[in-house]
Amino acid sequence: MILETLTKHIPHVTCKIRLLENLESTIKFVEMIQKTGIKFFTIHLRKKDETAKTMANWKILKEIKKVATIPVFANGDIFCPKDISKIILMSSK
């Protein structure tokens, strides 16, 4: 895997992903990438075919954080500090 190769040669590798077609696939992907040695990942809370007109799925972040063993950053529909507070509250373990 590309991430494994990068983490062997470069310190502090990170990764940005999107939601996959369903929660189960997304969780499996998260479990796989965090085993590569990356330091954290950012998840864009929309699927590949969703546009900015589609609200980001903040609720799914809580499920992703349950399996995360490394820090997770959220991306999608975060426009101001108040949004940060809301997403932290919604995704608390």
Foldseek 3Di string as FASTA:
>chain_A
DVLLVCVVPDPQAEEEEEDEPDLVVRLVVQLVNVVSNHQEYEYEQHYPPDDLVDARDLLSLLVNVVNHPHYYHYDGPDDDPVSVVVSCVNNPD
